[in-house]
């Protein structure tokens, strides 16, 4: 059930995002578009609630339950940014909006940008761990929740791998071409 819900929530995310932006820019239904975009994070809350119900019902925790926490953490930390990113591109492509902003091309501005992104990844990891620890506490059965603790260890690889980008931009910054060249 949880796997189907994960797939459904992923599909629902893109459907709500696409329909919300289409309502906003193609069909000029800003209120409906805003409601659809506001509903996007609710999918992750539904997924997490299903994971809690499943575990409270006797299921042993595994990657499926861990993903519910990770999806919620992503929505909290990156959700608004993702919607803003998609909104800018949709507005530009379909409604004649301005060219979407790009990250800095290089130099220390790009390094700061990459470090900020990495800190967001660390924050998302922290939130996912807090949610998973809450689930471990709620279930209160170490035999069934041990895989969730192992999942937290696996999740730690994400910020550790992602640190390569800000470190590389800090140690070897791209040269920024001047406008006068």
N, C-alpha and C. Protein backbone atom coordinates (compact mmCIF):
# COMPACT_ATOMS: atom_id res chain seq x y z
N UNK A 1 0.82 -1.19 0.00
CA UNK A 1 0.00 0.00 0.00
C UNK A 1 0.87 1.26 0.00
N UNK A 2 1.93 1.26 0.80
CA UNK A 2 2.77 2.45 0.91
C UNK A 2 3.47 2.75 -0.41
N UNK A 3 3.96 1.72 -1.10
CA UNK A 3 4.63 1.93 -2.39
C UNK A 3 3.67 2.57 -3.39
N UNK A 4 2.44 2.07 -3.44
CA UNK A 4 1.44 2.65 -4.35
C UNK A 4 1.16 4.10 -3.97
N UNK A 5 1.14 4.37 -2.69
CA UNK A 5 0.89 5.74 -2.23
C UNK A 5 2.07 6.66 -2.58
N UNK A 6 3.29 6.15 -2.47
CA UNK A 6 4.47 6.94 -2.86
C UNK A 6 4.38 7.29 -4.34
N UNK A 7 4.09 6.30 -5.17
CA UNK A 7 3.96 6.53 -6.61
C UNK A 7 2.81 7.51 -6.89
N UNK A 8 1.69 7.29 -6.21
CA UNK A 8 0.55 8.19 -6.39
C UNK A 8 0.86 9.62 -5.97
N UNK A 9 1.57 9.78 -4.87
CA UNK A 9 1.93 11.12 -4.41
C UNK A 9 2.92 11.79 -5.37
N UNK A 10 3.83 11.02 -5.93
CA UNK A 10 4.78 11.59 -6.90
C UNK A 10 4.03 12.05 -8.16
N UNK A 11 3.14 11.22 -8.64
CA UNK A 11 2.32 11.60 -9.80
C UNK A 11 1.44 12.79 -9.43
N UNK A 12 0.84 12.73 -8.24
CA UNK A 12 0.00 13.83 -7.79
C UNK A 12 0.76 15.14 -7.67
N UNK A 13 2.01 15.06 -7.22
CA UNK A 13 2.84 16.27 -7.13
C UNK A 13 2.92 16.96 -8.49
N UNK A 14 3.29 16.19 -9.53
CA UNK A 14 3.46 16.80 -10.85
C UNK A 14 2.13 17.22 -11.45
N UNK A 15 1.08 16.47 -11.18
CA UNK A 15 -0.24 16.87 -11.67
C UNK A 15 -0.72 18.17 -11.02
N UNK A 16 -0.62 18.24 -9.69
CA UNK A 16 -1.04 19.46 -9.01
C UNK A 16 -0.19 20.65 -9.42
N UNK A 17 1.10 20.43 -9.55
CA UNK A 17 1.99 21.52 -9.98
C UNK A 17 1.63 21.98 -11.39
N UNK A 18 1.52 21.04 -12.31
CA UNK A 18 1.18 21.39 -13.69
C UNK A 18 -0.19 22.04 -13.82
N UNK A 19 -1.18 21.47 -13.16
CA UNK A 19 -2.53 22.04 -13.22
C UNK A 19 -2.58 23.41 -12.54
N UNK A 20 -1.86 23.54 -11.42
CA UNK A 20 -1.84 24.83 -10.73
C UNK A 20 -1.25 25.92 -11.61
N UNK A 21 -0.16 25.61 -12.29
CA UNK A 21 0.47 26.60 -13.17
C UNK A 21 -0.37 26.85 -14.41
N UNK A 22 -0.99 25.80 -14.95
CA UNK A 22 -1.86 25.99 -16.11
C UNK A 22 -3.06 26.86 -15.74
N UNK A 23 -3.64 26.61 -14.57
CA UNK A 23 -4.76 27.45 -14.13
C UNK A 23 -4.32 28.90 -13.98
N UNK A 24 -3.16 29.09 -13.46
CA UNK A 24 -2.65 30.44 -13.21
C UNK A 24 -2.37 31.18 -14.51
N UNK A 25 -1.67 30.53 -15.45
CA UNK A 25 -1.19 31.26 -16.63
C UNK A 25 -1.95 31.00 -17.92
N UNK A 26 -2.48 29.82 -18.10
CA UNK A 26 -3.17 29.52 -19.36
C UNK A 26 -4.65 29.82 -19.29
N UNK A 27 -5.26 29.50 -18.14
CA UNK A 27 -6.70 29.64 -18.02
C UNK A 27 -7.11 30.84 -17.16
N UNK A 28 -6.13 31.57 -16.66
CA UNK A 28 -6.35 32.80 -15.89
C UNK A 28 -7.28 32.58 -14.69
N UNK A 29 -7.10 31.48 -14.02
CA UNK A 29 -7.84 31.14 -12.80
C UNK A 29 -6.85 31.13 -11.64
N UNK A 30 -6.43 32.33 -11.25
CA UNK A 30 -5.37 32.47 -10.25
C UNK A 30 -5.74 31.85 -8.90
N UNK A 31 -6.98 31.98 -8.50
CA UNK A 31 -7.39 31.44 -7.20
C UNK A 31 -7.35 29.91 -7.22
N UNK A 32 -7.86 29.32 -8.28
CA UNK A 32 -7.83 27.86 -8.40
C UNK A 32 -6.38 27.39 -8.49
N UNK A 33 -5.56 28.11 -9.27
CA UNK A 33 -4.15 27.76 -9.39
C UNK A 33 -3.44 27.83 -8.05
N UNK A 34 -3.71 28.87 -7.28
CA UNK A 34 -3.08 29.00 -5.96
C UNK A 34 -3.52 27.87 -5.04
N UNK A 35 -4.80 27.50 -5.10
CA UNK A 35 -5.29 26.40 -4.25
C UNK A 35 -4.61 25.08 -4.62
N UNK A 36 -4.46 24.84 -5.92
CA UNK A 36 -3.80 23.61 -6.35
C UNK A 36 -2.33 23.59 -5.92
N UNK A 37 -1.66 24.72 -6.03
CA UNK A 37 -0.25 24.78 -5.62
C UNK A 37 -0.12 24.64 -4.10
N UNK A 38 -1.07 25.18 -3.36
CA UNK A 38 -1.03 25.03 -1.90
C UNK A 38 -1.31 23.58 -1.47
N UNK A 39 -1.99 22.83 -2.32
CA UNK A 39 -2.31 21.44 -2.00
C UNK A 39 -1.12 20.50 -2.20
N UNK A 40 -0.10 20.95 -2.91
CA UNK A 40 1.06 20.09 -3.20
C UNK A 40 1.68 19.52 -1.93
N UNK A 41 2.01 20.32 -0.91
CA UNK A 41 2.64 19.73 0.28
C UNK A 41 1.72 18.80 1.07
N UNK A 42 0.42 18.93 0.88
CA UNK A 42 -0.50 18.04 1.59
C UNK A 42 -0.31 16.58 1.18
N UNK A 43 0.17 16.36 -0.03
CA UNK A 43 0.44 14.99 -0.47
C UNK A 43 1.46 14.32 0.44
N UNK A 44 2.49 15.05 0.84
CA UNK A 44 3.52 14.47 1.70
C UNK A 44 3.00 14.23 3.11
N UNK A 45 2.10 15.07 3.57
CA UNK A 45 1.49 14.86 4.88
C UNK A 45 0.62 13.60 4.83
N UNK A 46 -0.11 13.41 3.74
CA UNK A 46 -0.92 12.20 3.57
C UNK A 46 -0.03 10.97 3.55
N UNK A 47 1.08 11.05 2.83
CA UNK A 47 2.01 9.92 2.75
C UNK A 47 2.59 9.59 4.12
N UNK A 48 2.98 10.60 4.87
CA UNK A 48 3.52 10.36 6.20
C UNK A 48 2.44 9.78 7.13
N UNK A 49 1.24 10.29 7.05
CA UNK A 49 0.15 9.76 7.87
C UNK A 49 -0.09 8.29 7.55
N UNK A 50 -0.03 7.93 6.28
CA UNK A 50 -0.20 6.52 5.90
C UNK A 50 0.93 5.67 6.46
N UNK A 51 2.15 6.20 6.45
CA UNK A 51 3.29 5.45 7.01
C UNK A 51 3.09 5.24 8.52
N UNK A 52 2.63 6.27 9.20
CA UNK A 52 2.39 6.15 10.65
C UNK A 52 1.30 5.11 10.90
N UNK A 53 0.21 5.18 10.16
CA UNK A 53 -0.89 4.23 10.34
C UNK A 53 -0.40 2.81 10.05
N UNK A 54 0.39 2.65 9.00
CA UNK A 54 0.90 1.33 8.64
C UNK A 54 1.78 0.77 9.75
N UNK A 55 2.68 1.60 10.29
CA UNK A 55 3.57 1.12 11.35
C UNK A 55 2.83 0.89 12.65
N UNK A 56 1.90 1.77 12.95
CA UNK A 56 1.10 1.56 14.18
C UNK A 56 0.24 0.31 14.07
N UNK A 57 -0.05 -0.08 12.83
CA UNK A 57 -0.84 -1.29 12.60
C UNK A 57 -0.02 -2.57 12.63
N UNK A 58 1.29 -2.46 12.88
CA UNK A 58 2.11 -3.65 13.02
C UNK A 58 3.18 -3.86 11.97
N UNK A 59 3.25 -3.00 10.97
CA UNK A 59 4.26 -3.17 9.92
C UNK A 59 5.66 -2.88 10.48
N UNK A 60 6.64 -3.56 9.92
CA UNK A 60 8.04 -3.28 10.26
C UNK A 60 8.51 -2.15 9.36
N UNK A 61 9.20 -1.19 9.96
CA UNK A 61 9.69 -0.04 9.21
C UNK A 61 10.70 -0.46 8.16
N UNK A 62 10.66 0.21 7.01
CA UNK A 62 11.63 -0.03 5.96
C UNK A 62 11.78 1.23 5.11
N UNK A 63 12.39 1.07 3.97
CA UNK A 63 12.66 2.21 3.10
C UNK A 63 11.38 2.96 2.74
N UNK A 64 10.30 2.25 2.56
CA UNK A 64 9.03 2.91 2.20
C UNK A 64 8.63 3.92 3.25
N UNK A 65 8.74 3.55 4.51
CA UNK A 65 8.36 4.45 5.59
C UNK A 65 9.39 5.59 5.70
N UNK A 66 10.64 5.27 5.46
CA UNK A 66 11.68 6.29 5.48
C UNK A 66 11.48 7.32 4.38
N UNK A 67 11.04 6.85 3.21
CA UNK A 67 10.80 7.79 2.10
C UNK A 67 9.68 8.77 2.43
N UNK A 68 8.70 8.32 3.18
CA UNK A 68 7.62 9.24 3.57
C UNK A 68 8.19 10.41 4.36
N UNK A 69 9.12 10.13 5.27
CA UNK A 69 9.76 11.20 6.05
C UNK A 69 10.64 12.06 5.15
N UNK A 70 11.35 11.44 4.22
CA UNK A 70 12.24 12.19 3.32
C UNK A 70 11.43 13.11 2.40
N UNK A 71 10.30 12.62 1.89
CA UNK A 71 9.46 13.46 1.03
C UNK A 71 8.94 14.68 1.80
N UNK A 72 8.50 14.46 3.04
CA UNK A 72 8.01 15.57 3.84
C UNK A 72 9.13 16.58 4.09
N UNK A 73 10.32 16.09 4.41
CA UNK A 73 11.45 16.99 4.66
C UNK A 73 11.79 17.78 3.40
N UNK A 74 11.76 17.12 2.24
CA UNK A 74 12.01 17.83 0.98
C UNK A 74 10.98 18.93 0.78
N UNK A 75 9.72 18.63 1.02
CA UNK A 75 8.67 19.64 0.83
C UNK A 75 8.86 20.83 1.76
N UNK A 76 9.24 20.56 2.99
CA UNK A 76 9.43 21.65 3.94
C UNK A 76 10.58 22.55 3.52
N UNK A 77 11.69 21.94 3.11
CA UNK A 77 12.90 22.72 2.82
C UNK A 77 12.94 23.22 1.38
N UNK A 78 12.54 22.39 0.42
CA UNK A 78 12.68 22.75 -0.98
C UNK A 78 11.36 22.99 -1.71
N UNK A 79 10.23 22.72 -1.07
CA UNK A 79 8.95 22.80 -1.75
C UNK A 79 8.65 24.17 -2.34
N UNK A 80 8.76 25.21 -1.54
CA UNK A 80 8.45 26.56 -2.03
C UNK A 80 9.42 26.95 -3.14
N UNK A 81 10.68 26.60 -2.95
CA UNK A 81 11.70 26.92 -3.95
C UNK A 81 11.41 26.18 -5.27
N UNK A 82 11.00 24.93 -5.19
CA UNK A 82 10.70 24.14 -6.38
C UNK A 82 9.50 24.73 -7.11
N UNK A 83 8.48 25.09 -6.38
CA UNK A 83 7.29 25.68 -7.01
C UNK A 83 7.64 27.03 -7.63
N UNK A 84 8.43 27.83 -6.93
CA UNK A 84 8.86 29.12 -7.48
C UNK A 84 9.67 28.93 -8.76
N UNK A 85 10.56 27.92 -8.77
CA UNK A 85 11.37 27.61 -9.94
C UNK A 85 10.47 27.23 -11.12
N UNK A 86 9.53 26.31 -10.89
CA UNK A 86 8.63 25.87 -11.96
C UNK A 86 7.73 27.02 -12.42
N UNK A 87 7.28 27.83 -11.47
CA UNK A 87 6.41 28.96 -11.80
C UNK A 87 7.13 29.93 -12.73
N UNK A 88 8.37 30.26 -12.43
CA UNK A 88 9.12 31.22 -13.26
C UNK A 88 9.30 30.67 -14.68
N UNK A 89 9.60 29.39 -14.80
CA UNK A 89 9.81 28.81 -16.12
C UNK A 89 8.50 28.68 -16.89
N UNK A 90 7.43 28.30 -16.23
CA UNK A 90 6.12 28.18 -16.87
C UNK A 90 5.65 29.57 -17.32
N UNK A 91 5.80 30.54 -16.45
CA UNK A 91 5.40 31.91 -16.78
C UNK A 91 6.16 32.41 -18.00
N UNK A 92 7.46 32.15 -18.05
CA UNK A 92 8.28 32.58 -19.19
C UNK A 92 7.87 31.85 -20.47
N UNK A 93 7.69 30.54 -20.38
CA UNK A 93 7.45 29.72 -21.56
C UNK A 93 6.04 29.90 -22.13
N UNK A 94 5.04 30.01 -21.26
CA UNK A 94 3.66 29.99 -21.73
C UNK A 94 2.91 31.31 -21.58
N UNK A 95 3.48 32.26 -20.83
CA UNK A 95 2.73 33.51 -20.60
C UNK A 95 3.58 34.75 -20.85
N UNK A 96 4.69 34.59 -21.53
CA UNK A 96 5.50 35.75 -21.89
C UNK A 96 6.17 36.44 -20.73
N UNK A 97 6.38 35.73 -19.65
CA UNK A 97 7.04 36.31 -18.48
C UNK A 97 8.52 36.54 -18.72
N UNK A 98 9.17 37.19 -17.78
CA UNK A 98 10.60 37.45 -17.94
C UNK A 98 11.42 36.15 -17.90
N UNK A 99 12.62 36.23 -18.44
CA UNK A 99 13.52 35.08 -18.38
C UNK A 99 13.80 34.75 -16.92
N UNK A 100 13.67 33.48 -16.56
CA UNK A 100 13.90 33.10 -15.16
C UNK A 100 15.34 33.39 -14.74
N UNK A 101 15.53 33.75 -13.49
CA UNK A 101 16.89 34.01 -13.02
C UNK A 101 17.71 32.72 -13.02
N UNK A 102 18.99 32.88 -13.24
CA UNK A 102 19.91 31.75 -13.21
C UNK A 102 20.82 31.88 -11.99
N UNK A 103 21.36 30.77 -11.53
CA UNK A 103 22.33 30.87 -10.44
C UNK A 103 23.56 31.62 -10.94
N UNK A 104 24.34 32.16 -10.02
CA UNK A 104 25.56 32.85 -10.44
C UNK A 104 26.44 31.90 -11.26
N UNK A 105 27.11 32.47 -12.27
CA UNK A 105 27.91 31.66 -13.19
C UNK A 105 29.18 31.14 -12.55
N UNK A 106 29.75 31.88 -11.66
CA UNK A 106 31.02 31.44 -11.08
C UNK A 106 31.45 32.37 -9.96
N UNK A 107 32.73 32.26 -9.63
CA UNK A 107 33.29 33.08 -8.56
C UNK A 107 32.73 32.71 -7.20
N UNK A 108 32.96 33.58 -6.25
CA UNK A 108 32.50 33.32 -4.89
C UNK A 108 30.99 33.41 -4.77
N UNK A 109 30.33 34.14 -5.67
CA UNK A 109 28.87 34.17 -5.64
C UNK A 109 28.30 32.78 -5.90
N UNK A 110 28.90 32.04 -6.83
CA UNK A 110 28.45 30.67 -7.10
C UNK A 110 28.77 29.75 -5.93
N UNK A 111 29.93 29.95 -5.32
CA UNK A 111 30.30 29.13 -4.16
C UNK A 111 29.29 29.36 -3.03
N UNK A 112 28.91 30.61 -2.76
CA UNK A 112 27.91 30.91 -1.73
C UNK A 112 26.57 30.25 -2.07
N UNK A 113 26.19 30.32 -3.33
CA UNK A 113 24.96 29.69 -3.80
C UNK A 113 24.99 28.18 -3.51
N UNK A 114 26.09 27.54 -3.84
CA UNK A 114 26.21 26.09 -3.64
C UNK A 114 26.24 25.73 -2.16
N UNK A 115 26.89 26.54 -1.32
CA UNK A 115 26.91 26.28 0.13
C UNK A 115 25.51 26.44 0.71
N UNK A 116 24.77 27.43 0.24
CA UNK A 116 23.40 27.62 0.72
C UNK A 116 22.53 26.41 0.35
N UNK A 117 22.70 25.93 -0.87
CA UNK A 117 21.96 24.75 -1.30
C UNK A 117 22.34 23.54 -0.44
N UNK A 118 23.61 23.38 -0.15
CA UNK A 118 24.06 22.26 0.66
C UNK A 118 23.49 22.36 2.08
N UNK A 119 23.46 23.57 2.64
CA UNK A 119 22.88 23.73 3.98
C UNK A 119 21.40 23.36 3.98
N UNK A 120 20.72 23.63 2.90
CA UNK A 120 19.31 23.22 2.79
C UNK A 120 19.20 21.69 2.78
N UNK A 121 20.14 21.03 2.10
CA UNK A 121 20.15 19.57 2.08
C UNK A 121 20.37 19.03 3.49
N UNK A 122 21.30 19.64 4.23
CA UNK A 122 21.55 19.22 5.61
C UNK A 122 20.30 19.44 6.47
N UNK A 123 19.63 20.57 6.27
CA UNK A 123 18.40 20.85 7.01
C UNK A 123 17.33 19.80 6.69
N UNK A 124 17.18 19.46 5.40
CA UNK A 124 16.20 18.44 5.02
C UNK A 124 16.55 17.10 5.66
N UNK A 125 17.83 16.77 5.68
CA UNK A 125 18.27 15.54 6.34
C UNK A 125 17.89 15.57 7.82
N UNK A 126 18.14 16.69 8.47
CA UNK A 126 17.80 16.82 9.89
C UNK A 126 16.31 16.67 10.14
N UNK A 127 15.50 17.29 9.30
CA UNK A 127 14.04 17.19 9.46
C UNK A 127 13.59 15.75 9.24
N UNK A 128 14.13 15.09 8.22
CA UNK A 128 13.77 13.69 7.98
C UNK A 128 14.12 12.83 9.18
N UNK A 129 15.28 13.08 9.78
CA UNK A 129 15.69 12.30 10.96
C UNK A 129 14.77 12.56 12.14
N UNK A 130 14.38 13.81 12.34
CA UNK A 130 13.46 14.13 13.44
C UNK A 130 12.12 13.42 13.23
N UNK A 131 11.62 13.44 12.00
CA UNK A 131 10.36 12.76 11.70
C UNK A 131 10.50 11.26 11.92
N UNK A 132 11.61 10.69 11.46
CA UNK A 132 11.83 9.25 11.66
C UNK A 132 11.97 8.90 13.13
N UNK A 133 12.68 9.74 13.90
CA UNK A 133 12.78 9.49 15.34
C UNK A 133 11.42 9.58 16.01
N UNK A 134 10.58 10.50 15.54
CA UNK A 134 9.21 10.59 16.05
C UNK A 134 8.43 9.32 15.74
N UNK A 135 8.63 8.78 14.55
CA UNK A 135 7.96 7.53 14.19
C UNK A 135 8.47 6.38 15.04
N UNK A 136 9.78 6.33 15.29
CA UNK A 136 10.36 5.31 16.16
C UNK A 136 9.75 5.42 17.56
N UNK A 137 9.63 6.63 18.04
CA UNK A 137 9.06 6.86 19.37
C UNK A 137 7.59 6.44 19.42
N UNK A 138 6.83 6.79 18.36
CA UNK A 138 5.41 6.44 18.32
C UNK A 138 5.20 4.93 18.32
N UNK A 139 5.99 4.22 17.55
CA UNK A 139 5.82 2.77 17.43
C UNK A 139 6.34 2.07 18.67
N UNK A 140 7.45 2.56 19.22
CA UNK A 140 8.02 2.04 20.47
C UNK A 140 8.23 0.52 20.45
N UNK A 141 8.81 0.04 19.34
CA UNK A 141 9.14 -1.37 19.22
C UNK A 141 10.46 -1.46 18.45
N UNK A 142 11.59 -1.55 19.18
CA UNK A 142 12.90 -1.53 18.52
C UNK A 142 13.06 -2.58 17.41
N UNK A 143 12.44 -3.72 17.55
CA UNK A 143 12.57 -4.75 16.52
C UNK A 143 11.95 -4.29 15.19
N UNK A 144 10.87 -3.53 15.27
CA UNK A 144 10.19 -3.07 14.04
C UNK A 144 10.73 -1.75 13.53
N UNK A 145 11.42 -0.99 14.38
CA UNK A 145 11.88 0.34 13.97
C UNK A 145 13.37 0.40 13.67
N UNK A 146 14.11 -0.66 13.94
CA UNK A 146 15.55 -0.66 13.67
C UNK A 146 15.87 -0.31 12.22
N UNK A 147 15.09 -0.81 11.24
CA UNK A 147 15.38 -0.43 9.85
C UNK A 147 15.24 1.08 9.60
N UNK A 148 14.40 1.76 10.36
CA UNK A 148 14.26 3.21 10.19
C UNK A 148 15.53 3.93 10.65
N UNK A 149 16.13 3.43 11.72
CA UNK A 149 17.40 4.00 12.19
C UNK A 149 18.48 3.76 11.14
N UNK A 150 18.49 2.57 10.54
CA UNK A 150 19.45 2.27 9.47
C UNK A 150 19.19 3.18 8.26
N UNK A 151 17.93 3.47 7.99
CA UNK A 151 17.59 4.37 6.87
C UNK A 151 18.17 5.76 7.11
N UNK A 152 18.16 6.22 8.37
CA UNK A 152 18.76 7.53 8.69
C UNK A 152 20.25 7.51 8.36
N UNK A 153 20.92 6.42 8.64
CA UNK A 153 22.33 6.30 8.29
C UNK A 153 22.52 6.36 6.78
N UNK A 154 21.62 5.69 6.04
CA UNK A 154 21.71 5.72 4.58
C UNK A 154 21.46 7.12 4.04
N UNK A 155 20.51 7.83 4.65
CA UNK A 155 20.22 9.20 4.22
C UNK A 155 21.41 10.13 4.42
N UNK A 156 22.25 9.84 5.39
CA UNK A 156 23.41 10.68 5.67
C UNK A 156 24.34 10.76 4.46
N UNK A 157 24.30 9.76 3.60
CA UNK A 157 25.15 9.77 2.40
C UNK A 157 24.81 10.95 1.49
N UNK A 158 23.58 11.39 1.49
CA UNK A 158 23.16 12.47 0.59
C UNK A 158 23.91 13.77 0.91
N UNK A 159 23.88 14.28 2.16
CA UNK A 159 24.65 15.51 2.39
C UNK A 159 26.15 15.29 2.27
N UNK A 160 26.62 14.09 2.57
CA UNK A 160 28.06 13.83 2.44
C UNK A 160 28.51 13.84 0.99
N UNK A 161 27.70 13.28 0.12
CA UNK A 161 28.04 13.31 -1.31
C UNK A 161 27.83 14.71 -1.87
N UNK A 162 26.75 15.35 -1.47
CA UNK A 162 26.42 16.68 -2.01
C UNK A 162 27.42 17.74 -1.61
N UNK A 163 28.24 17.51 -0.59
CA UNK A 163 29.22 18.52 -0.19
C UNK A 163 30.30 18.70 -1.26
N UNK A 164 30.39 17.76 -2.19
CA UNK A 164 31.38 17.87 -3.26
C UNK A 164 31.17 19.15 -4.08
N UNK A 165 29.91 19.53 -4.32
CA UNK A 165 29.64 20.70 -5.15
C UNK A 165 30.12 21.99 -4.49
N UNK A 166 29.70 22.31 -3.27
CA UNK A 166 30.19 23.57 -2.71
C UNK A 166 31.70 23.57 -2.48
N UNK A 167 32.26 22.44 -2.11
CA UNK A 167 33.71 22.39 -1.92
C UNK A 167 34.42 22.64 -3.24
N UNK A 168 33.95 22.01 -4.32
CA UNK A 168 34.60 22.19 -5.62
C UNK A 168 34.47 23.64 -6.10
N UNK A 169 33.30 24.26 -5.90
CA UNK A 169 33.15 25.65 -6.32
C UNK A 169 33.97 26.60 -5.44
N UNK A 170 34.24 26.20 -4.20
CA UNK A 170 35.05 27.03 -3.31
C UNK A 170 36.53 26.89 -3.65
N UNK A 171 36.99 25.66 -3.85
CA UNK A 171 38.41 25.43 -4.13
C UNK A 171 38.80 25.77 -5.56
N UNK A 172 37.92 25.51 -6.49
CA UNK A 172 38.21 25.76 -7.90
C UNK A 172 37.08 26.58 -8.52
N UNK A 173 36.95 27.84 -8.13
CA UNK A 173 35.83 28.65 -8.67
C UNK A 173 36.00 28.89 -10.16
N UNK A 174 34.88 28.87 -10.85
CA UNK A 174 34.89 29.22 -12.27
C UNK A 174 35.17 30.71 -12.39
N UNK A 175 35.88 31.04 -13.42
CA UNK A 175 36.13 32.45 -13.70
C UNK A 175 34.84 33.07 -14.23
N UNK A 176 34.55 34.26 -13.76
CA UNK A 176 33.38 34.98 -14.25
C UNK A 176 33.86 35.96 -15.30
N UNK A 177 33.30 35.81 -16.51
CA UNK A 177 33.70 36.72 -17.58
C UNK A 177 33.08 38.09 -17.35
N UNK A 178 33.89 39.10 -17.55
CA UNK A 178 33.39 40.47 -17.35
C UNK A 178 32.56 40.88 -18.55
N UNK A 179 31.66 41.82 -18.34
CA UNK A 179 30.77 42.30 -19.39
C UNK A 179 31.54 43.07 -20.47
N UNK A 180 32.72 43.60 -20.14
CA UNK A 180 33.47 44.39 -21.11
C UNK A 180 34.29 43.53 -22.05
N UNK A 181 34.36 42.20 -21.84
CA UNK A 181 35.16 41.34 -22.72
C UNK A 181 34.50 41.12 -24.03
